[in-house]
Every structure is written in C-alpha cells, then in structure tokens.
Amino acid sequence: MRSNERYRVGIDIGGTFTDLVVVDVEGRTMRAEKTLTTPEDLWEGIATGLGRAKVLLDQSEIAHGTTVVAEPEFVRIWFAPLSAV
C-alpha cells in the first residue's frame, strides 16, 4: 500500500453492467456502484462509476476483471448447438 492510498477499488466489466466496489482503507467504508458498460469505450463506464463514488485515481489501488471478451465466445461454444435443435 502506498502512503497516499485511500481507496481500494474492485472493477468488474460485464456485457451489460460495470460494477465497482470501493473500500476506504482508513474507515473501512464500502460503497458499490453499478453503471452501464460502454462497449465502444470501456473507460467511460469505469469513469462514471468512479465519479459517482467520488474516488480519486491517484489515491487508489485498482483491481480489474472483465468478461466482455469471454462472453461472446462462451455463448458461441456452449449455446450455438442448442439453437440447432
């Protein structure tokens, strides 16, 4: 942890929603935000959530995950055979 770090932020970008969970490392306060995923610019959905949570990037540790790329491939592999039924 850096000396100026105030927040830990977990971000999950899904096909429909971008979810953020914020922990204030000083007070252990948690906050959750949900925004629409913006496929044309994923940063837009992240920035909206960070703004709503009033999080400063230069005082944050960020962890990020996404299923945006995996979901279409998952659907093609597992559900395409069902559409032939």
Protein backbone atom coordinates (compact mmCIF):
# COMPACT_ATOMS: atom_id res chain seq x y z
CA MET A 1 0.00 0.00 0.00
CA ARG A 2 1.33 3.45 -0.94
CA SER A 3 1.42 6.14 1.75
CA ASN A 4 -1.17 8.30 -0.08
CA GLU A 5 -3.52 5.44 -0.86
CA ARG A 6 -7.03 5.99 0.47
CA TYR A 7 -9.14 3.59 -1.58
CA ARG A 8 -9.15 0.07 -2.90
CA VAL A 9 -11.41 -0.33 -5.89
CA GLY A 10 -12.58 -3.57 -7.49
CA ILE A 11 -14.00 -3.24 -11.00
CA ASP A 12 -15.84 -5.91 -12.98
CA ILE A 13 -16.78 -5.03 -16.56
CA GLY A 14 -19.56 -7.28 -17.82
CA GLY A 15 -21.50 -7.31 -21.04
CA THR A 16 -24.29 -5.12 -19.65
CA PHE A 17 -23.04 -3.55 -16.42
CA THR A 18 -19.78 -2.32 -14.94
CA ASP A 19 -19.67 -2.91 -11.18
CA LEU A 20 -17.37 -1.12 -8.77
CA VAL A 21 -16.78 -1.82 -5.07
CA VAL A 22 -14.86 0.80 -3.10
CA VAL A 23 -13.25 0.34 0.30
CA ASP A 24 -11.93 3.38 2.13
CA VAL A 25 -8.83 1.91 3.78
CA GLU A 26 -8.97 4.47 6.61
CA GLY A 27 -12.55 3.86 7.73
CA ARG A 28 -13.23 0.52 6.03
CA THR A 29 -16.28 2.11 4.44
CA MET A 30 -17.65 0.21 1.48
CA ARG A 31 -19.56 1.60 -1.45
CA ALA A 32 -20.87 -0.14 -4.55
CA GLU A 33 -21.70 1.46 -7.88
CA LYS A 34 -23.27 -0.06 -10.99
CA THR A 35 -23.09 1.67 -14.36
CA LEU A 36 -23.88 0.61 -17.89
CA THR A 37 -20.99 -0.95 -19.76
CA THR A 38 -19.98 1.13 -22.76
CA PRO A 39 -18.51 -1.36 -25.28
CA GLU A 40 -17.24 1.36 -27.60
CA ASP A 41 -15.19 2.88 -24.75
CA LEU A 42 -14.94 0.73 -21.61
CA TRP A 43 -13.25 3.55 -19.70
CA GLU A 44 -16.46 5.63 -19.92
CA GLY A 45 -18.40 3.21 -17.70
CA ILE A 46 -15.49 2.95 -15.26
CA ALA A 47 -15.08 6.74 -15.07
CA THR A 48 -18.81 7.18 -14.43
CA GLY A 49 -18.70 4.74 -11.51
CA LEU A 50 -15.54 6.26 -10.05
CA GLY A 51 -17.10 9.72 -10.29
CA ARG A 52 -20.27 8.61 -8.52
CA ALA A 53 -18.17 7.04 -5.77
CA LYS A 54 -16.01 10.19 -5.55
CA VAL A 55 -12.81 8.16 -5.91
CA LEU A 56 -9.51 9.83 -6.80
CA LEU A 57 -7.34 7.63 -9.03
CA ASP A 58 -4.04 8.96 -7.68
CA GLN A 59 -5.12 7.79 -4.22
CA SER A 60 -6.39 4.36 -5.25
CA GLU A 61 -5.33 0.79 -5.76
CA ILE A 62 -7.37 -0.69 -8.63
CA ALA A 63 -8.19 -4.36 -9.30
CA HIS A 64 -9.98 -5.10 -12.56
CA GLY A 65 -11.64 -8.05 -14.22
CA THR A 66 -13.82 -8.42 -17.27
CA THR A 67 -15.91 -10.97 -19.12
CA VAL A 68 -16.56 -8.71 -22.12
CA VAL A 69 -14.32 -10.76 -24.43
CA ALA A 70 -15.13 -14.15 -22.94
CA GLU A 71 -18.93 -13.92 -23.02
CA PRO A 72 -19.42 -13.97 -26.81
CA GLU A 73 -17.05 -16.93 -27.14
CA PHE A 74 -18.77 -18.75 -24.26
CA VAL A 75 -22.18 -18.23 -25.86
CA ARG A 76 -20.92 -19.41 -29.27
CA ILE A 77 -19.33 -22.59 -27.90
CA TRP A 78 -21.99 -23.65 -25.39
CA PHE A 79 -25.27 -22.35 -26.75
CA ALA A 80 -24.88 -22.45 -30.53
CA PRO A 81 -25.60 -26.22 -30.64
CA LEU A 82 -28.86 -25.58 -28.79
CA SER A 83 -30.03 -23.16 -31.46
CA ALA A 84 -29.93 -26.01 -33.99
CA VAL A 85 -32.50 -28.01 -32.01
